[in-house]
C-alpha atoms as a PDB file:
ATOM      1  CA  MET A   1       3.362 -56.813  29.630  1.00  0.00           C
ATOM      2  CA  ARG A   2       4.207 -53.343  30.597  1.00  0.00           C
ATOM      3  CA  ARG A   3       5.936 -54.629  33.677  1.00  0.00           C
ATOM      4  CA  ARG A   4       8.144 -56.990  31.608  1.00  0.00           C
ATOM      5  CA  ILE A   5       9.510 -54.154  29.453  1.00  0.00           C
ATOM      6  CA  LEU A   6      10.361 -52.102  32.501  1.00  0.00           C
ATOM      7  CA  ASP A   7      12.120 -55.109  34.044  1.00  0.00           C
ATOM      8  CA  ARG A   8      14.437 -55.371  31.018  1.00  0.00           C
ATOM      9  CA  LEU A   9      15.427 -51.699  31.072  1.00  0.00           C
ATOM     10  CA  SER A  10      18.713 -51.190  32.786  1.00  0.00           C
ATOM     11  CA  TYR A  11      21.246 -48.395  32.843  1.00  0.00           C
ATOM     12  CA  ALA A  12      23.532 -50.339  30.479  1.00  0.00           C
ATOM     13  CA  ASN A  13      20.708 -50.994  27.999  1.00  0.00           C
ATOM     14  CA  VAL A  14      19.645 -47.334  27.971  1.00  0.00           C
ATOM     15  CA  VAL A  15      23.238 -46.058  27.513  1.00  0.00           C
ATOM     16  CA  ALA A  16      23.968 -48.584  24.733  1.00  0.00           C
ATOM     17  CA  THR A  17      20.751 -47.705  22.905  1.00  0.00           C
ATOM     18  CA  LEU A  18      21.429 -43.975  23.255  1.00  0.00           C
ATOM     19  CA  ALA A  19      25.020 -44.395  22.006  1.00  0.00           C
ATOM     20  CA  LEU A  20      23.820 -46.399  18.987  1.00  0.00           C
ATOM     21  CA  PHE A  21      21.166 -43.784  18.230  1.00  0.00           C
ATOM     22  CA  LEU A  22      23.673 -40.907  18.453  1.00  0.00           C
ATOM     23  CA  ALA A  23      26.247 -42.753  16.375  1.00  0.00           C
ATOM     24  CA  LEU A  24      23.810 -43.549  13.604  1.00  0.00           C
ATOM     25  CA  GLY A  25      22.014 -40.206  13.874  1.00  0.00           C
ATOM     26  CA  GLY A  26      25.281 -38.224  13.818  1.00  0.00           C
ATOM     27  CA  THR A  27      26.561 -40.104  10.780  1.00  0.00           C
ATOM     28  CA  GLY A  28      23.268 -39.625   8.994  1.00  0.00           C
ATOM     29  CA  TYR A  29      23.312 -35.922   9.777  1.00  0.00           C
ATOM     30  CA  ALA A  30      26.905 -35.422   8.620  1.00  0.00           C
ATOM     31  CA  LEU A  31      26.138 -37.132   5.347  1.00  0.00           C
ATOM     32  CA  SER A  32      23.188 -34.839   4.765  1.00  0.00           C
ATOM     33  CA  LEU A  33      25.192 -31.564   4.910  1.00  0.00           C
ATOM     34  CA  PRO A  34      24.957 -29.664   1.636  1.00  0.00           C
ATOM     35  CA  ARG A  35      28.158 -29.106  -0.323  1.00  0.00           C
ATOM     36  CA  ASN A  36      30.137 -25.966   0.746  1.00  0.00           C
ATOM     37  CA  SER A  37      27.732 -25.361   3.660  1.00  0.00           C
ATOM     38  CA  VAL A  38      30.532 -24.930   6.228  1.00  0.00           C
ATOM     39  CA  GLY A  39      32.392 -21.660   5.798  1.00  0.00           C
ATOM     40  CA  SER A  40      34.506 -19.268   7.815  1.00  0.00           C
ATOM     41  CA  ALA A  41      31.480 -18.095   9.811  1.00  0.00           C
ATOM     42  CA  GLN A  42      31.017 -21.614  11.210  1.00  0.00           C
ATOM     43  CA  LEU A  43      34.693 -22.049  12.223  1.00  0.00           C
ATOM     44  CA  ARG A  44      36.222 -20.857  15.469  1.00  0.00           C
ATOM     45  CA  SER A  45      39.056 -18.359  15.073  1.00  0.00           C
ATOM     46  CA  ASP A  46      42.440 -20.110  14.513  1.00  0.00           C
ATOM     47  CA  SER A  47      40.787 -23.565  14.530  1.00  0.00           C
ATOM     48  CA  VAL A  48      42.184 -24.543  11.110  1.00  0.00           C
ATOM     49  CA  GLY A  49      45.908 -24.203  10.544  1.00  0.00           C
ATOM     50  CA  ARG A  50      48.780 -25.756   8.651  1.00  0.00           C
ATOM     51  CA  PRO A  51      48.585 -29.187  10.399  1.00  0.00           C
ATOM     52  CA  GLU A  52      44.915 -29.605   9.397  1.00  0.00           C
ATOM     53  CA  LEU A  53      45.444 -28.846   5.696  1.00  0.00           C
ATOM     54  CA  ARG A  54      46.571 -31.405   3.140  1.00  0.00           C
ATOM     55  CA  ARG A  55      49.565 -30.411   1.048  1.00  0.00           C
ATOM     56  CA  ASN A  56      48.377 -28.413  -2.010  1.00  0.00           C
ATOM     57  CA  ALA A  57      44.804 -28.359  -0.637  1.00  0.00           C
ATOM     58  CA  VAL A  58      44.539 -24.593  -1.151  1.00  0.00           C
ATOM     59  CA  THR A  59      45.353 -23.485  -4.686  1.00  0.00           C
ATOM     60  CA  SER A  60      44.965 -20.215  -6.573  1.00  0.00           C
ATOM     61  CA  PRO A  61      41.508 -21.000  -8.012  1.00  0.00           C
ATOM     62  CA  ALA A  62      40.212 -21.706  -4.482  1.00  0.00           C
ATOM     63  CA  ILE A  63      41.208 -18.257  -3.173  1.00  0.00           C
ATOM     64  CA  ARG A  64      38.823 -15.352  -3.621  1.00  0.00           C
ATOM     65  CA  ASN A  65      40.437 -12.279  -5.252  1.00  0.00           C
ATOM     66  CA  ARG A  66      41.932  -9.754  -2.819  1.00  0.00           C
ATOM     67  CA  SER A  67      41.377 -12.013   0.208  1.00  0.00           C
ATOM     68  CA  VAL A  68      45.114 -12.685   0.685  1.00  0.00           C
ATOM     69  CA  ARG A  69      47.339  -9.655   1.082  1.00  0.00           C
ATOM     70  CA  ILE A  70      51.118  -9.451   0.716  1.00  0.00           C
ATOM     71  CA  GLY A  71      51.432  -9.125   4.517  1.00  0.00           C
ATOM     72  CA  ASP A  72      49.731 -12.527   4.945  1.00  0.00           C
ATOM     73  CA  LEU A  73      52.602 -14.268   3.144  1.00  0.00           C
ATOM     74  CA  SER A  74      55.848 -15.405   4.684  1.00  0.00           C
ATOM     75  CA  ARG A  75      59.003 -13.396   4.027  1.00  0.00           C
ATOM     76  CA  GLY A  76      60.284 -16.149   1.731  1.00  0.00           C
ATOM     77  CA  ALA A  77      57.066 -16.169  -0.291  1.00  0.00           C
ATOM     78  CA  ARG A  78      57.181 -12.389  -0.619  1.00  0.00           C
ATOM     79  CA  GLY A  79      60.744 -12.612  -1.962  1.00  0.00           C
ATOM     80  CA  VAL A  80      59.687 -15.085  -4.654  1.00  0.00           C
ATOM     81  CA  LEU A  81      56.963 -12.693  -5.834  1.00  0.00           C
ATOM     82  CA  ARG A  82      59.454  -9.941  -6.586  1.00  0.00           C
ATOM     83  CA  GLY A  83      60.351 -10.076 -10.238  1.00  0.00           C
ATOM     84  CA  PRO A  84      62.899  -8.126 -12.214  1.00  0.00           C
ATOM     85  CA  THR A  85      62.342  -4.408 -12.655  1.00  0.00           C
ATOM     86  CA  GLY A  86      60.347  -3.635 -15.765  1.00  0.00           C
ATOM     87  CA  ALA A  87      61.330  -1.296 -18.544  1.00  0.00           C
ATOM     88  CA  ILE A  88      61.236   2.417 -17.855  1.00  0.00           C
ATOM     89  CA  GLY A  89      58.271   4.096 -19.486  1.00  0.00           C
ATOM     90  CA  PRO A  90      58.439   7.161 -21.661  1.00  0.00           C
ATOM     91  CA  PRO A  91      59.084  10.434 -19.859  1.00  0.00           C
ATOM     92  CA  GLY A  92      56.073  12.549 -19.092  1.00  0.00           C
ATOM     93  CA  PRO A  93      55.679  16.106 -20.211  1.00  0.00           C
ATOM     94  CA  ALA A  94      57.870  18.596 -18.426  1.00  0.00           C
ATOM     95  CA  GLY A  95      55.994  20.823 -16.021  1.00  0.00           C
ATOM     96  CA  PRO A  96      56.314  24.518 -16.508  1.00  0.00           C
ATOM     97  CA  THR A  97      59.168  26.019 -14.534  1.00  0.00           C
ATOM     98  CA  TYR A  98      59.394  29.655 -13.635  1.00  0.00           C
ATOM     99  CA  ALA A  99      62.493  31.462 -12.405  1.00  0.00           C
ATOM    100  CA  ALA A 100      63.651  34.897 -11.378  1.00  0.00           C
ATOM    101  CA  SER A 101      66.955  36.432 -10.325  1.00  0.00           C
ATOM    102  CA  VAL A 102      66.178  39.551  -8.318  1.00  0.00           C
ATOM    103  CA  ASN A 103      68.753  42.151  -7.200  1.00  0.00           C
ATOM    104  CA  THR A 104      68.832  44.200  -3.993  1.00  0.00           C
ATOM    105  CA  ILE A 105      66.494  46.900  -5.269  1.00  0.00           C
ATOM    106  CA  GLY A 106      63.949  44.370  -6.608  1.00  0.00           C
ATOM    107  CA  ASP A 107      64.770  44.429 -10.321  1.00  0.00           C
ATOM    108  CA  ILE A 108      64.257  41.137 -12.208  1.00  0.00           C
ATOM    109  CA  ILE A 109      67.687  40.508 -13.761  1.00  0.00           C
ATOM    110  CA  HIS A 110      67.037  37.065 -15.311  1.00  0.00           C
ATOM    111  CA  GLY A 111      64.108  34.665 -15.640  1.00  0.00           C
ATOM    112  CA  ASN A 112      60.547  34.704 -16.830  1.00  0.00           C
ATOM    113  CA  ALA A 113      58.913  36.618 -13.951  1.00  0.00           C
ATOM    114  CA  ASN A 114      56.793  39.549 -15.101  1.00  0.00           C
ATOM    115  CA  PHE A 115      56.177  41.294 -11.782  1.00  0.00           C
ATOM    116  CA  SER A 116      58.308  42.349  -8.797  1.00  0.00           C
ATOM    117  CA  GLY A 117      56.725  44.422  -6.046  1.00  0.00           C
ATOM    118  CA  GLN A 118      57.858  45.386  -2.571  1.00  0.00           C
ATOM    119  CA  SER A 119      56.223  43.893   0.501  1.00  0.00           C
ATOM    120  CA  GLY A 120      57.678  45.511   3.613  1.00  0.00           C
ATOM    121  CA  VAL A 121      61.399  45.611   4.367  1.00  0.00           C
ATOM    122  CA  GLY A 122      63.247  42.854   2.488  1.00  0.00           C
ATOM    123  CA  GLY A 123      60.033  41.365   1.110  1.00  0.00           C
ATOM    124  CA  ARG A 124      59.361  40.967  -2.619  1.00  0.00           C
ATOM    125  CA  ILE A 125      56.218  39.713  -4.332  1.00  0.00           C
ATOM    126  CA  ILE A 126      57.179  37.949  -7.558  1.00  0.00           C
ATOM    127  CA  GLY A 127      54.582  37.199 -10.236  1.00  0.00           C
ATOM    128  CA  PHE A 128      54.521  35.189 -13.466  1.00  0.00           C
ATOM    129  CA  ASP A 129      52.213  34.898 -16.467  1.00  0.00           C
ATOM    130  CA  ARG A 130      49.859  32.659 -14.491  1.00  0.00           C
ATOM    131  CA  PRO A 131      49.047  31.991 -10.815  1.00  0.00           C
ATOM    132  CA  VAL A 132      51.669  29.750  -9.196  1.00  0.00           C
ATOM    133  CA  ASP A 133      50.211  29.423  -5.700  1.00  0.00           C
ATOM    134  CA  ALA A 134      49.615  25.659  -6.238  1.00  0.00           C
ATOM    135  CA  CYS A 135      53.235  25.108  -7.333  1.00  0.00           C
ATOM    136  CA  VAL A 136      56.434  24.399  -5.402  1.00  0.00           C
ATOM    137  CA  ALA A 137      58.741  27.355  -4.895  1.00  0.00           C
ATOM    138  CA  THR A 138      62.264  27.651  -3.516  1.00  0.00           C
ATOM    139  CA  ALA A 139      64.647  30.562  -3.202  1.00  0.00           C
ATOM    140  CA  THR A 140      68.333  30.941  -2.409  1.00  0.00           C
ATOM    141  CA  LEU A 141      70.357  34.015  -1.593  1.00  0.00           C
ATOM    142  CA  ALA A 142      72.699  34.690  -4.472  1.00  0.00           C
ATOM    143  CA  THR A 143      75.133  37.076  -6.022  1.00  0.00           C
ATOM    144  CA  VAL A 144      73.095  38.804  -8.709  1.00  0.00           C
ATOM    145  CA  ALA A 145      74.446  41.330 -11.237  1.00  0.00           C
ATOM    146  CA  GLY A 146      74.265  44.833  -9.791  1.00  0.00           C
ATOM    147  CA  SER A 147      74.181  43.660  -6.162  1.00  0.00           C
ATOM    148  CA  ALA A 148      76.736  42.866  -3.500  1.00  0.00           C
ATOM    149  CA  ALA A 149      76.996  39.295  -2.278  1.00  0.00           C
ATOM    150  CA  PRO A 150      74.692  38.592   0.673  1.00  0.00           C
ATOM    151  CA  PRO A 151      76.285  37.730   4.050  1.00  0.00           C
ATOM    152  CA  ALA A 152      77.019  34.014   4.476  1.00  0.00           C
ATOM    153  CA  THR A 153      74.686  33.536   7.437  1.00  0.00           C
ATOM    154  CA  ALA A 154      71.727  35.476   6.005  1.00  0.00           C
ATOM    155  CA  HIS A 155      68.629  33.490   5.029  1.00  0.00           C
ATOM    156  CA  VAL A 156      65.538  33.607   2.815  1.00  0.00           C
ATOM    157  CA  THR A 157      61.949  32.326   3.122  1.00  0.00           C
ATOM    158  CA  VAL A 158      59.286  31.651   0.491  1.00  0.00           C
ATOM    159  CA  ALA A 159      55.520  31.701   0.982  1.00  0.00           C
ATOM    160  CA  PRO A 160      52.390  31.989  -1.160  1.00  0.00           C
ATOM    161  CA  GLY A 161      51.751  35.601  -2.052  1.00  0.00           C
ATOM    162  CA  PRO A 162      48.627  37.497  -3.066  1.00  0.00           C
ATOM    163  CA  ASP A 163      46.920  36.859  -6.407  1.00  0.00           C
ATOM    164  CA  GLY A 164      48.734  33.555  -7.089  1.00  0.00           C
ATOM    165  CA  ARG A 165      52.161  35.146  -6.742  1.00  0.00           C
ATOM    166  CA  VAL A 166      55.138  34.238  -4.543  1.00  0.00           C
ATOM    167  CA  LEU A 167      56.302  36.171  -1.468  1.00  0.00           C
ATOM    168  CA  VAL A 168      60.085  36.066  -0.909  1.00  0.00           C
ATOM    169  CA  GLN A 169      61.463  37.501   2.338  1.00  0.00           C
ATOM    170  CA  THR A 170      65.216  37.947   2.962  1.00  0.00           C
ATOM    171  CA  PHE A 171      66.883  38.388   6.359  1.00  0.00           C
ATOM    172  CA  ASN A 172      70.259  39.610   7.692  1.00  0.00           C
ATOM    173  CA  PRO A 173      72.385  37.260   9.842  1.00  0.00           C
ATOM    174  CA  ASN A 174      70.794  38.779  12.992  1.00  0.00           C
ATOM    175  CA  GLY A 175      67.288  37.781  11.724  1.00  0.00           C
ATOM    176  CA  SER A 176      66.037  41.252  10.825  1.00  0.00           C
ATOM    177  CA  PRO A 177      64.405  41.764   7.402  1.00  0.00           C
ATOM    178  CA  ALA A 178      66.805  43.148   4.787  1.00  0.00           C
ATOM    179  CA  ALA A 179      66.767  43.712   1.031  1.00  0.00           C
ATOM    180  CA  LEU A 180      69.130  41.035  -0.320  1.00  0.00           C
ATOM    181  CA  PRO A 181      69.505  39.537  -3.828  1.00  0.00           C
ATOM    182  CA  PHE A 182      68.008  36.088  -4.472  1.00  0.00           C
ATOM    183  CA  ASN A 183      67.205  33.451  -7.078  1.00  0.00           C
ATOM    184  CA  LEU A 184      63.665  32.016  -7.165  1.00  0.00           C
ATOM    185  CA  VAL A 185      62.603  28.795  -8.888  1.00  0.00           C
ATOM    186  CA  VAL A 186      58.942  27.721  -9.129  1.00  0.00           C
ATOM    187  CA  ALA A 187      58.028  24.259 -10.456  1.00  0.00           C
ATOM    188  CA  CYS A 188      54.435  23.371 -11.334  1.00  0.00           C
END
C-alpha cells in the first residue's frame, strides 16, 4: 500500500497540492487579521501613495491631531487655508519710556533721567528711577540747548552701564572720544 501512494506522487501533484494549500491557507490567514492591526510600522516607506488611496478615503476624523503639518500640504491647499485677517485686538499697555537730552558738559536738559555722571572722556552714565539694563536704548547726537551742534560725521554708542544705568559714549569724526550733546531714549 505504501508503494502505491508513492507511485501516485508526481511533481505536478505535489505542486498543485502545495498551491491549493497556500491559496486556502493565505485566504484563511488574511481573513483572520484583527481590525486595524496593520499600521504605519508594518508598511514600507513610500509604499502607499495617491494611486493606492480611494478618493475621499482619508478624512479629517481619520487623521490624528498634529500628525499633518502645514508643510505637508500642497501650495494650493495652503492657500485655501488662509482666511481673512481677523479684527485687531485692543492695544496693550504702553511700556515705560525714559528719555534724556544731555548737553556737552553732561547736564540733563530735558527728560526723566535722574542721574548723569562722567565715565572717561566723552562718556556719560545716565540713570533713571529704576534699573533699565533689560530695556532697549538708543541715542543720537543732537543740538541741545546750551551746546554747539555736533560735527556731521561724529557718532555715538550705547551700552549697559553700571547699576542698571545706560552708558553713552560720543566720538569725534576721527573716532576719538569727545564730549558731545545727545538725546537718549530707553524703552522697556
